[in-house]
Amino acid sequence: MSRRATKIVATLGPASSDPALLEKMIRAGVNVVRLNFSHGTAQDHIDRAQLVREAAQRAGREVAIMADLQGPKIRVGKFAEGKVLLVPGEKFILDASRTEPGDIKGVGLDYKELPRDVKAGDLLLLNDGLIVLTVDAVRGAAVHTTVKLGGELSNNKGINKQGGGLTAPALTAKDMEDIKTAMSFRADYVAVSFPKNATDMEMARQLCNVAAAPYKHKPGLIAKIERAEAIPNLEEILRVSDGIMVARGDLAVEVGNATVPALQKRMIRMARAADKVVITATQMMESMIVNPVPTRAEVSDVANAVLDGTDAVMLSAETAAGKYPLETIQEMAKICEEAEKTEYRELEADFSGKTFTHIDQSIAMGALFTANRLGAKAIVALTDSGSTALWMSRHDIRAPIYALTSRLATQRKMALYRNVRPLLLDTSADRDTALAQAESHLLRRNIVQSGDIYAITCGEPMGAPGGTNMLKICRVA
C-alpha cells in the first residue's frame, strides 16, 4: 500500500478511457476519478462510472467517483468561421438577442442575462482572461465593448467579470438532471460549480438527497470556489459542504492571478480547521498535456499544495485529453511523496486551547497524540461513517491512519481524506473479536509486524455511527 498521504484526483476523458490504461493509472496512484459533466451525455457518464468501478476492482483498490457539475454556461455563442481575431482598440458587441453566428463585429451569448449584470466601465475577461473587453455601454440586449487585450476568440469561450457580480444561479436545469444521473451510479462526491453562498450548497444538498434516496445513498458535497462572491462567504459555505475545491482557473480570472496563491493557503487552512476536505485544482501539471515531464514551476506548485496541507491535488486536461496520462500520475505521486518527507509541524500546537465537544472527537485526538508520542507504526480506526478517520486526518502525523469499515460507501468516501488508507473489513459485533480481526487484517497486509505498536479506536456498541468511545494501545505479539 502506498505511503503517500496526499490523494490524487484524475479527470476521465478520451485520453484515459481505455480500460487497461485506467487500471494502470489506478495502480499508479489515482484515488478519486472525476467525471466532468460539462462534456458527454448521461449514458456516457453511466458507462464511464462502470468502467471506473471495473478497473478499480481489477487493480484491487477502491476509488471514489466525483461527479463535477457543469454549472451555468456563462459563454459567448458560436462564430461563422469558428473563431475571430480581436484587435486592441476595435469595437465588439456581445448581443444576447443575436441568433446568427458571430463575426469580427460581434457575437451572440449563451448567457442571456449578461446585459443585466454589467455597466459601462466594467471589464469582461474572456477565454480564461486571455482576452479583455471594456464595457462602453449597454443598449437593450447588446453589450457594446472596446477590445483592451486582443487575440483569438473561438466558439463558446467563457466570460468572467472582473471582481465578480454575474447573477447566474449555481444550479441549472441541466445540473438537476445530472445529479439524478450521478446518483443512479452512486457517485461518492458531487462537485458544485460556481456556488456563491451557503444557500447554493444547501439547495444542491437537497437535490442530491432526494435523487439518492431510492439508492439509500448520501454523496459528499464539494463546493468549487471559483467566484469572487464566494470568498467573503467561505465560512458559511464550508459549514454546509463536505469540502471545497480551490478552483484556481475561474477564481484567478475574477480576483486576479496574484491574489490566488495566498487565497489557496487560506482556504486550505480554513477547511482543515473546519474538519472539511480540500482539493487543489487547475493547471497543476498543465505542460504534461503535451510533454512527458513537468516544468520545475509545476513541481513546486504541487509540492507547495502538499506542504499547505491539501487533501488532494487534481488533474484535469492532463489526464482527460493529454498525451501522457499515466506518466502524469506517476510524476505527481513522486512529487507528493517527496514533499511529505519534510518536517511536520508539532502536533501539540494543534491542540493548544482547543476543547472537544464530542467523545468520539476526543478519542480521535487522543489516538493521534498517543501514537505520535509512542512512535506507533499505525493508527487504526474502526469506523462506520468515517468521521473518526476524517478528524484524525486534519492533523499532520507521520503514522498512517488505517480506517477499517464494513460499509463500501464509507470506504470509497474516505479515499479522498489525506493520510487515510481505507480498508473494507466486516468485523464482529463483539468488541474483542473485532479487535482481533482488525489486527490479523493488518498482519495479513504487512502493515504491522511482531513487536510493532499501534493505536486502535472503536465504539461500543459496535457498528453504531458516531459511537467511537474507546482507544486501545496494542503491541503485536
Protein backbone atom coordinates (compact mmCIF):
# COMPACT_ATOMS: atom_id res chain seq x y z
CA MET A 1 0.00 0.00 0.00
CA SER A 2 1.28 3.47 -0.89
CA ARG A 3 2.81 5.53 1.91
CA ARG A 4 1.66 8.71 0.16
CA ALA A 5 -0.67 10.81 2.33
CA THR A 6 -1.87 13.30 -0.33
CA LYS A 7 -4.54 11.95 -2.65
CA ILE A 8 -4.69 12.31 -6.44
CA VAL A 9 -7.89 13.23 -8.31
CA ALA A 10 -7.76 12.44 -12.05
CA THR A 11 -10.30 13.54 -14.66
CA LEU A 12 -11.54 10.83 -17.00
CA GLY A 13 -11.69 11.67 -20.69
CA PRO A 14 -10.85 10.35 -24.16
CA ALA A 15 -7.16 10.00 -23.23
CA SER A 16 -7.86 7.81 -20.21
CA SER A 17 -10.95 5.77 -21.14
CA ASP A 18 -9.08 2.65 -22.23
CA PRO A 19 -9.81 0.03 -19.52
CA ALA A 20 -6.21 -1.28 -19.35
CA LEU A 21 -4.76 2.25 -19.13
CA LEU A 22 -7.27 3.30 -16.46
CA GLU A 23 -6.33 0.25 -14.38
CA LYS A 24 -2.64 1.22 -14.67
CA MET A 25 -3.50 4.79 -13.60
CA ILE A 26 -5.32 3.50 -10.51
CA ARG A 27 -2.36 1.26 -9.66
CA ALA A 28 -0.04 4.26 -10.15
CA GLY A 29 -1.91 6.27 -7.54
CA VAL A 30 -5.31 7.64 -8.61
CA ASN A 31 -7.58 7.81 -5.53
CA VAL A 32 -10.54 9.72 -6.96
CA VAL A 33 -11.82 9.77 -10.56
CA ARG A 34 -13.56 12.95 -11.68
CA LEU A 35 -16.33 12.76 -14.25
CA ASN A 36 -16.70 16.15 -15.90
CA PHE A 37 -20.40 16.72 -16.65
CA SER A 38 -19.55 19.66 -18.95
CA HIS A 39 -18.92 17.03 -21.64
CA GLY A 40 -20.84 13.96 -22.77
CA THR A 41 -24.34 12.51 -22.36
CA ALA A 42 -25.94 10.91 -19.31
CA GLN A 43 -25.25 7.47 -20.78
CA ASP A 44 -21.57 8.38 -21.33
CA HIS A 45 -21.22 9.10 -17.61
CA ILE A 46 -23.04 5.93 -16.58
CA ASP A 47 -20.73 3.90 -18.84
CA ARG A 48 -17.63 5.69 -17.52
CA ALA A 49 -18.62 5.11 -13.90
CA GLN A 50 -18.97 1.40 -14.72
CA LEU A 51 -15.54 1.49 -16.38
CA VAL A 52 -14.01 3.05 -13.23
CA ARG A 53 -15.58 0.51 -10.88
CA GLU A 54 -14.39 -2.40 -13.02
CA ALA A 55 -10.84 -1.02 -13.39
CA ALA A 56 -10.64 -0.41 -9.62
CA GLN A 57 -11.76 -3.96 -8.94
CA ARG A 58 -9.09 -5.36 -11.28
CA ALA A 59 -6.48 -3.16 -9.59
CA GLY A 60 -7.62 -4.36 -6.16
CA ARG A 61 -8.25 -0.77 -4.98
CA GLU A 62 -11.35 1.23 -4.18
CA VAL A 63 -11.51 4.71 -5.67
CA ALA A 64 -14.09 7.43 -5.18
CA ILE A 65 -16.05 8.84 -8.11
CA MET A 66 -16.64 12.60 -8.17
CA ALA A 67 -19.37 13.96 -10.45
CA ASP A 68 -18.41 17.53 -11.35
CA LEU A 69 -21.48 19.55 -12.39
CA GLN A 70 -21.20 21.98 -15.31
CA GLY A 71 -22.93 24.89 -13.59
CA PRO A 72 -24.18 27.96 -15.51
CA LYS A 73 -22.86 28.38 -19.06
CA ILE A 74 -21.51 31.93 -18.96
CA ARG A 75 -20.20 31.80 -22.53
CA VAL A 76 -20.23 33.54 -25.90
CA GLY A 77 -22.08 31.86 -28.78
CA LYS A 78 -20.62 30.42 -31.97
CA PHE A 79 -18.81 32.15 -34.86
CA ALA A 80 -19.49 31.65 -38.59
CA GLU A 81 -15.80 30.81 -39.12
CA GLY A 82 -15.39 29.09 -35.74
CA LYS A 83 -13.23 31.97 -34.46
CA VAL A 84 -12.28 35.64 -34.93
CA LEU A 85 -9.11 37.65 -34.24
CA LEU A 86 -9.88 40.61 -31.96
CA VAL A 87 -7.61 43.64 -32.29
CA PRO A 88 -7.00 46.09 -29.39
CA GLY A 89 -8.93 49.35 -29.81
CA GLU A 90 -11.59 47.79 -32.07
CA LYS A 91 -15.28 47.68 -31.11
CA PHE A 92 -17.00 44.36 -30.38
CA ILE A 93 -20.65 43.69 -29.47
CA LEU A 94 -21.89 40.88 -27.18
CA ASP A 95 -25.56 40.57 -28.14
CA ALA A 96 -27.99 38.38 -26.14
CA SER A 97 -30.66 38.70 -28.88
CA ARG A 98 -28.37 37.69 -31.76
CA THR A 99 -29.29 34.35 -33.38
CA GLU A 100 -26.97 34.30 -36.41
CA PRO A 101 -23.33 33.14 -35.98
CA GLY A 102 -20.78 35.71 -34.83
CA ASP A 103 -18.22 37.69 -36.85
CA ILE A 104 -15.46 40.24 -36.28
CA LYS A 105 -18.06 42.84 -35.19
CA GLY A 106 -19.88 40.79 -32.55
CA VAL A 107 -21.30 37.50 -31.30
CA GLY A 108 -24.37 36.09 -29.57
CA LEU A 109 -24.45 34.92 -25.96
CA ASP A 110 -25.27 31.60 -24.28
CA TYR A 111 -25.64 33.67 -21.10
CA LYS A 112 -28.65 35.90 -21.86
CA GLU A 113 -28.50 37.81 -18.54
CA LEU A 114 -25.14 39.46 -19.28
CA PRO A 115 -26.65 42.84 -20.34
CA ARG A 116 -28.42 43.00 -16.95
CA ASP A 117 -25.23 42.21 -15.00
CA VAL A 118 -22.82 44.76 -16.49
CA LYS A 119 -22.47 48.53 -16.86
CA ALA A 120 -20.14 50.97 -18.60
CA GLY A 121 -16.59 50.75 -17.25
CA ASP A 122 -16.77 47.05 -16.31
CA LEU A 123 -14.01 44.74 -17.53
CA LEU A 124 -15.03 41.43 -19.13
CA LEU A 125 -12.46 38.65 -19.28
CA LEU A 126 -12.97 36.02 -21.97
CA ASN A 127 -11.24 32.68 -22.53
CA ASP A 128 -9.67 32.50 -19.03
CA GLY A 129 -8.60 36.14 -19.13
CA LEU A 130 -6.61 35.91 -22.37
CA ILE A 131 -9.00 38.47 -23.93
CA VAL A 132 -10.16 41.60 -22.09
CA LEU A 133 -13.07 43.81 -23.19
CA THR A 134 -14.03 47.16 -21.63
CA VAL A 135 -17.80 47.77 -21.50
CA ASP A 136 -18.67 51.09 -23.20
CA ALA A 137 -22.45 50.91 -22.94
CA VAL A 138 -25.41 48.54 -22.60
CA ARG A 139 -28.18 49.15 -25.14
CA GLY A 140 -31.09 46.75 -24.67
CA ALA A 141 -29.77 43.22 -25.16
CA ALA A 142 -26.44 44.41 -26.62
CA VAL A 143 -23.27 45.00 -24.61
CA HIS A 144 -21.01 47.39 -26.58
CA THR A 145 -17.32 46.98 -25.78
CA THR A 146 -13.83 48.05 -26.82
CA VAL A 147 -11.12 45.37 -27.09
CA LYS A 148 -8.49 46.11 -24.44
CA LEU A 149 -6.48 42.89 -24.79
CA GLY A 150 -6.94 41.16 -28.13
CA GLY A 151 -6.35 37.70 -29.51
CA GLU A 152 -8.17 34.73 -30.96
CA LEU A 153 -11.73 34.22 -29.70
CA SER A 154 -13.39 30.93 -30.67
CA ASN A 155 -16.81 29.30 -30.15
CA ASN A 156 -18.36 29.02 -26.67
CA LYS A 157 -15.47 30.57 -24.72
CA GLY A 158 -16.22 31.52 -21.10
CA ILE A 159 -16.95 35.04 -19.83
CA ASN A 160 -15.98 36.39 -16.39
CA LYS A 161 -16.49 39.85 -14.95
CA GLN A 162 -13.51 41.26 -13.07
CA GLY A 163 -14.39 41.42 -9.38
CA GLY A 164 -17.37 39.08 -9.86
CA GLY A 165 -21.02 40.06 -9.93
CA LEU A 166 -22.61 37.78 -12.55
CA THR A 167 -26.02 36.69 -11.26
CA ALA A 168 -26.20 33.22 -12.86
CA PRO A 169 -27.59 30.63 -10.41
CA ALA A 170 -25.15 27.91 -9.32
CA LEU A 171 -27.55 25.11 -10.28
CA THR A 172 -29.12 24.93 -13.73
CA ALA A 173 -31.86 22.63 -15.06
CA LYS A 174 -29.09 20.53 -16.67
CA ASP A 175 -27.29 20.21 -13.30
CA MET A 176 -30.52 18.95 -11.70
CA GLU A 177 -30.79 16.22 -14.34
CA ASP A 178 -27.08 15.44 -13.98
CA ILE A 179 -27.48 14.99 -10.22
CA LYS A 180 -30.08 12.27 -10.91
CA THR A 181 -27.67 10.57 -13.33
CA ALA A 182 -24.80 10.77 -10.81
CA MET A 183 -26.95 9.28 -8.05
CA SER A 184 -28.03 6.39 -10.32
CA PHE A 185 -24.42 5.13 -10.20
CA ARG A 186 -23.95 6.30 -6.60
CA ALA A 187 -21.29 8.95 -7.18
CA ASP A 188 -19.34 9.33 -3.93
CA TYR A 189 -18.92 13.09 -4.30
CA VAL A 190 -20.75 15.81 -6.22
CA ALA A 191 -18.76 18.96 -7.03
CA VAL A 192 -20.94 22.08 -7.36
CA SER A 193 -19.69 24.74 -9.81
CA PHE A 194 -19.83 28.48 -9.05
CA PRO A 195 -21.63 28.48 -5.65
CA LYS A 196 -21.82 32.00 -4.20
CA ASN A 197 -23.08 31.21 -0.69
CA ALA A 198 -24.39 28.54 1.69
CA THR A 199 -27.86 28.64 0.09
CA ASP A 200 -26.47 27.37 -3.23
CA MET A 201 -24.86 24.42 -1.44
CA GLU A 202 -27.95 23.69 0.69
CA MET A 203 -30.05 23.54 -2.47
CA ALA A 204 -27.55 21.14 -4.06
CA ARG A 205 -27.63 19.00 -0.89
CA GLN A 206 -31.42 18.80 -1.01
CA LEU A 207 -31.44 17.79 -4.67
CA CYS A 208 -28.74 15.16 -4.08
CA ASN A 209 -30.50 13.67 -1.07
CA VAL A 210 -33.82 13.40 -2.94
CA ALA A 211 -32.17 11.85 -6.02
CA ALA A 212 -30.06 9.46 -3.89
CA ALA A 213 -32.86 8.33 -1.54
CA PRO A 214 -34.06 5.41 -3.73
CA TYR A 215 -30.48 4.05 -3.67
CA LYS A 216 -30.07 4.58 0.11
CA HIS A 217 -27.03 6.69 -0.69
CA LYS A 218 -25.67 10.05 0.53
CA PRO A 219 -22.91 11.68 -1.50
CA GLY A 220 -20.35 14.12 -0.14
CA LEU A 221 -20.67 17.67 -1.47
CA ILE A 222 -17.68 19.68 -2.68
CA ALA A 223 -18.08 23.44 -3.24
CA LYS A 224 -15.88 24.70 -6.08
CA ILE A 225 -14.59 28.10 -5.02
CA GLU A 226 -14.32 29.98 -8.32
CA ARG A 227 -16.37 33.16 -7.86
CA ALA A 228 -15.23 36.38 -6.21
CA GLU A 229 -18.54 36.43 -4.25
CA ALA A 230 -17.72 33.08 -2.61
CA ILE A 231 -14.61 34.41 -0.84
CA PRO A 232 -16.36 36.50 1.87
CA ASN A 233 -18.79 33.57 2.37
CA LEU A 234 -16.15 30.86 2.78
CA GLU A 235 -17.03 30.05 6.39
CA GLU A 236 -20.75 29.56 5.72
CA ILE A 237 -20.02 27.56 2.53
CA LEU A 238 -17.65 25.28 4.48
CA ARG A 239 -20.24 24.78 7.20
CA VAL A 240 -22.80 23.26 4.80
CA SER A 241 -20.37 21.38 2.50
CA ASP A 242 -18.21 18.29 2.99
CA GLY A 243 -15.27 20.03 1.39
CA ILE A 244 -14.11 22.69 -1.04
CA MET A 245 -12.14 22.80 -4.25
CA VAL A 246 -9.65 25.60 -4.79
CA ALA A 247 -10.66 26.06 -8.45
CA ARG A 248 -7.87 28.37 -9.46
CA GLY A 249 -8.89 28.96 -13.10
CA ASP A 250 -12.10 30.99 -12.90
CA LEU A 251 -11.15 32.30 -9.46
CA ALA A 252 -7.91 33.80 -10.82
CA VAL A 253 -9.80 35.47 -13.67
CA GLU A 254 -12.26 37.11 -11.23
CA VAL A 255 -9.89 38.13 -8.41
CA GLY A 256 -6.59 38.41 -10.33
CA ASN A 257 -3.77 35.85 -10.66
CA ALA A 258 -1.60 37.44 -7.97
CA THR A 259 -4.28 37.03 -5.28
CA VAL A 260 -4.72 33.27 -5.74
CA PRO A 261 -1.64 31.71 -4.01
CA ALA A 262 -2.36 33.40 -0.66
CA LEU A 263 -6.08 32.59 -1.05
CA GLN A 264 -5.19 28.93 -1.68
CA LYS A 265 -3.23 28.76 1.58
CA ARG A 266 -6.06 30.47 3.48
CA MET A 267 -8.71 28.13 2.05
CA ILE A 268 -6.70 25.01 2.90
CA ARG A 269 -6.17 26.29 6.46
CA MET A 270 -9.86 27.12 6.87
CA ALA A 271 -11.04 23.76 5.52
CA ARG A 272 -8.75 21.80 7.83
CA ALA A 273 -9.80 23.89 10.84
CA ALA A 274 -13.46 23.21 9.98
CA ASP A 275 -12.82 19.42 9.68
CA LYS A 276 -13.60 19.51 5.95
CA VAL A 277 -11.64 18.18 2.96
CA VAL A 278 -9.94 20.37 0.37
CA ILE A 279 -8.85 19.72 -3.22
CA THR A 280 -6.34 21.97 -5.03
CA ALA A 281 -7.07 22.11 -8.76
CA THR A 282 -6.33 23.70 -12.14
CA GLN A 283 -3.17 23.66 -14.27
CA MET A 284 -1.15 21.71 -11.70
CA MET A 285 0.76 19.76 -14.37
CA GLU A 286 -0.55 21.65 -17.43
CA SER A 287 2.61 21.23 -19.53
CA MET A 288 2.28 17.44 -19.30
CA ILE A 289 -0.71 17.63 -21.66
CA VAL A 290 1.97 17.65 -24.37
CA ASN A 291 5.29 16.97 -22.57
CA PRO A 292 6.43 13.74 -20.82
CA VAL A 293 7.92 15.68 -17.86
CA PRO A 294 6.57 18.60 -15.79
CA THR A 295 8.20 22.04 -15.53
CA ARG A 296 10.12 22.97 -12.35
CA ALA A 297 7.38 25.50 -11.56
CA GLU A 298 4.70 22.80 -11.73
CA VAL A 299 6.73 20.55 -9.43
CA SER A 300 6.92 23.43 -6.92
CA ASP A 301 3.22 24.18 -7.30
CA VAL A 302 2.17 20.60 -6.48
CA ALA A 303 4.70 20.35 -3.64
CA ASN A 304 3.50 23.65 -2.14
CA ALA A 305 -0.13 22.49 -2.12
CA VAL A 306 1.04 19.34 -0.28
CA LEU A 307 3.02 21.41 2.23
CA ASP A 308 -0.04 23.65 2.74
CA GLY A 309 -1.93 20.52 3.85
CA THR A 310 -4.31 19.92 0.92
CA ASP A 311 -6.14 16.58 0.99
CA ALA A 312 -5.81 16.12 -2.75
CA VAL A 313 -4.24 17.55 -5.88
CA MET A 314 -6.28 17.39 -9.07
CA LEU A 315 -5.56 16.79 -12.75
CA SER A 316 -7.97 18.00 -15.46
CA ALA A 317 -6.97 18.05 -19.14
CA GLU A 318 -3.66 16.36 -18.23
CA THR A 319 -5.43 13.01 -17.78
CA ALA A 320 -8.65 13.70 -19.75
CA ALA A 321 -7.08 14.76 -23.04
CA GLY A 322 -3.28 14.79 -22.59
CA LYS A 323 -0.66 12.65 -24.29
CA TYR A 324 0.80 11.26 -21.06
CA PRO A 325 -1.99 10.47 -18.56
CA LEU A 326 -0.13 7.60 -16.84
CA GLU A 327 3.20 9.43 -16.65
CA THR A 328 1.43 12.49 -15.18
CA ILE A 329 0.03 10.36 -12.33
CA GLN A 330 3.45 8.78 -11.70
CA GLU A 331 5.19 12.18 -11.61
CA MET A 332 2.53 13.70 -9.34
CA ALA A 333 2.70 10.77 -6.89
CA LYS A 334 6.50 11.15 -6.73
CA ILE A 335 6.29 14.90 -6.03
CA CYS A 336 3.70 14.34 -3.25
CA GLU A 337 5.83 11.67 -1.57
CA GLU A 338 8.95 13.84 -1.62
CA ALA A 339 7.11 16.89 -0.27
CA GLU A 340 5.66 14.81 2.57
CA LYS A 341 9.16 13.84 3.78
CA THR A 342 9.79 17.37 5.05
CA GLU A 343 9.44 18.33 8.70
CA TYR A 344 5.92 18.19 10.09
CA ARG A 345 4.78 20.88 12.50
CA GLU A 346 4.33 19.99 16.16
CA LEU A 347 1.06 18.13 16.68
CA GLU A 348 0.69 19.63 20.17
CA ALA A 349 0.31 23.11 18.63
CA ASP A 350 -2.93 21.92 17.01
CA PHE A 351 -4.43 21.02 20.39
CA SER A 352 -3.45 24.04 22.49
CA GLY A 353 -6.50 25.95 23.65
CA LYS A 354 -8.86 23.54 21.85
CA THR A 355 -11.86 21.98 23.55
CA PHE A 356 -13.69 18.96 22.17
CA THR A 357 -17.45 18.75 22.42
CA HIS A 358 -17.80 15.12 21.32
CA ILE A 359 -16.45 11.99 22.99
CA ASP A 360 -15.60 10.45 19.60
CA GLN A 361 -13.62 13.56 18.63
CA SER A 362 -11.67 13.45 21.90
CA ILE A 363 -10.87 9.77 21.34
CA ALA A 364 -9.63 10.55 17.80
CA MET A 365 -7.36 13.30 19.12
CA GLY A 366 -6.17 11.07 21.98
CA ALA A 367 -5.19 8.39 19.46
CA LEU A 368 -3.15 10.90 17.44
CA PHE A 369 -1.39 12.33 20.48
CA THR A 370 -0.54 8.94 21.99
CA ALA A 371 0.54 7.36 18.69
CA ASN A 372 2.75 10.36 17.98
CA ARG A 373 4.45 10.19 21.40
CA LEU A 374 4.90 6.42 21.26
CA GLY A 375 6.15 6.37 17.69
CA ALA A 376 3.36 3.94 16.77
CA LYS A 377 3.58 2.13 13.42
CA ALA A 378 -0.07 2.89 12.59
CA ILE A 379 -3.31 4.35 13.86
CA VAL A 380 -6.35 2.18 13.22
CA ALA A 381 -9.95 3.41 13.33
CA LEU A 382 -12.88 1.01 13.22
CA THR A 383 -15.44 3.36 11.72
CA ASP A 384 -18.97 3.22 10.37
CA SER A 385 -19.39 6.75 8.97
CA GLY A 386 -15.70 7.64 8.52
CA SER A 387 -15.88 10.73 10.74
CA THR A 388 -13.25 9.47 13.23
CA ALA A 389 -10.79 9.00 10.36
CA LEU A 390 -11.69 12.44 8.98
CA TRP A 391 -10.96 14.17 12.31
CA MET A 392 -7.65 12.36 12.61
CA SER A 393 -6.69 13.30 9.06
CA ARG A 394 -6.98 17.05 9.79
CA HIS A 395 -3.67 16.88 11.70
CA ASP A 396 -0.14 16.15 10.49
CA ILE A 397 1.24 12.91 11.81
CA ARG A 398 3.88 10.53 10.48
CA ALA A 399 1.92 7.38 11.28
CA PRO A 400 -0.55 6.33 8.57
CA ILE A 401 -4.23 6.12 9.52
CA TYR A 402 -5.92 2.85 8.55
CA ALA A 403 -9.69 3.21 8.52
CA LEU A 404 -11.48 -0.14 8.72
CA THR A 405 -15.14 -0.09 7.77
CA SER A 406 -17.78 -2.62 6.80
CA ARG A 407 -19.50 -0.08 4.52
CA LEU A 408 -18.32 0.15 0.91
CA ALA A 409 -19.72 3.70 0.52
CA THR A 410 -17.71 4.83 3.58
CA GLN A 411 -14.54 3.18 2.24
CA ARG A 412 -14.91 5.00 -1.08
CA LYS A 413 -15.67 8.36 0.54
CA MET A 414 -12.54 8.09 2.70
CA ALA A 415 -10.41 7.68 -0.45
CA LEU A 416 -10.24 11.50 -0.52
CA TYR A 417 -9.03 12.00 3.08
CA ARG A 418 -5.36 12.93 3.50
CA ASN A 419 -3.21 10.22 5.14
CA VAL A 420 -6.15 7.79 5.42
CA ARG A 421 -5.92 4.28 3.92
CA PRO A 422 -9.50 2.96 3.86
CA LEU A 423 -9.93 -0.82 4.09
CA LEU A 424 -13.08 -2.93 3.90
CA LEU A 425 -13.47 -5.31 6.84
CA ASP A 426 -16.68 -6.80 8.15
CA THR A 427 -15.99 -7.06 11.86
CA SER A 428 -17.82 -8.96 14.56
CA ALA A 429 -20.34 -7.24 16.82
CA ASP A 430 -18.23 -8.45 19.76
CA ARG A 431 -15.55 -5.90 20.62
CA ASP A 432 -12.67 -8.26 21.46
CA THR A 433 -13.32 -10.40 18.39
CA ALA A 434 -13.45 -7.26 16.22
CA LEU A 435 -10.10 -6.02 17.59
CA ALA A 436 -8.51 -9.42 16.93
CA GLN A 437 -9.95 -9.43 13.38
CA ALA A 438 -8.55 -5.95 12.77
CA GLU A 439 -5.06 -6.99 13.92
CA SER A 440 -4.97 -10.12 11.76
CA HIS A 441 -6.13 -7.99 8.79
CA LEU A 442 -3.19 -5.61 9.40
CA LEU A 443 -0.77 -8.53 9.73
CA ARG A 444 -2.02 -10.14 6.51
CA ARG A 445 -1.36 -6.91 4.62
CA ASN A 446 2.11 -6.47 6.21
CA ILE A 447 1.02 -3.16 7.73
CA VAL A 448 2.26 -4.28 11.17
CA GLN A 449 4.70 -6.98 12.27
CA SER A 450 5.58 -8.71 15.50
CA GLY A 451 6.70 -6.18 18.13
CA ASP A 452 5.04 -3.15 16.44
CA ILE A 453 2.90 -0.77 18.49
CA TYR A 454 -0.34 0.61 17.03
CA ALA A 455 -3.29 2.61 18.38
CA ILE A 456 -6.83 1.45 17.64
CA THR A 457 -10.16 3.21 18.22
CA CYS A 458 -13.65 1.77 18.13
CA GLY A 459 -17.09 2.22 19.67
CA GLU A 460 -19.31 0.19 21.94
CA PRO A 461 -21.85 -0.99 20.97
CA MET A 462 -20.06 -1.93 17.75
CA GLY A 463 -21.41 -0.52 14.48
CA ALA A 464 -23.30 2.43 16.00
CA PRO A 465 -22.45 5.58 13.99
CA GLY A 466 -20.80 8.37 15.99
CA GLY A 467 -20.13 5.95 18.83
CA THR A 468 -16.29 5.88 18.97
CA ASN A 469 -15.60 5.84 22.70
CA MET A 470 -12.57 3.58 23.15
CA LEU A 471 -8.85 3.87 22.49
CA LYS A 472 -6.51 0.91 22.93
CA ILE A 473 -2.74 0.80 22.50
CA CYS A 474 -1.62 -2.64 21.27
CA ARG A 475 1.72 -4.35 20.74
CA VAL A 476 1.70 -7.10 18.11
CA ALA A 477 2.70 -10.42 19.70
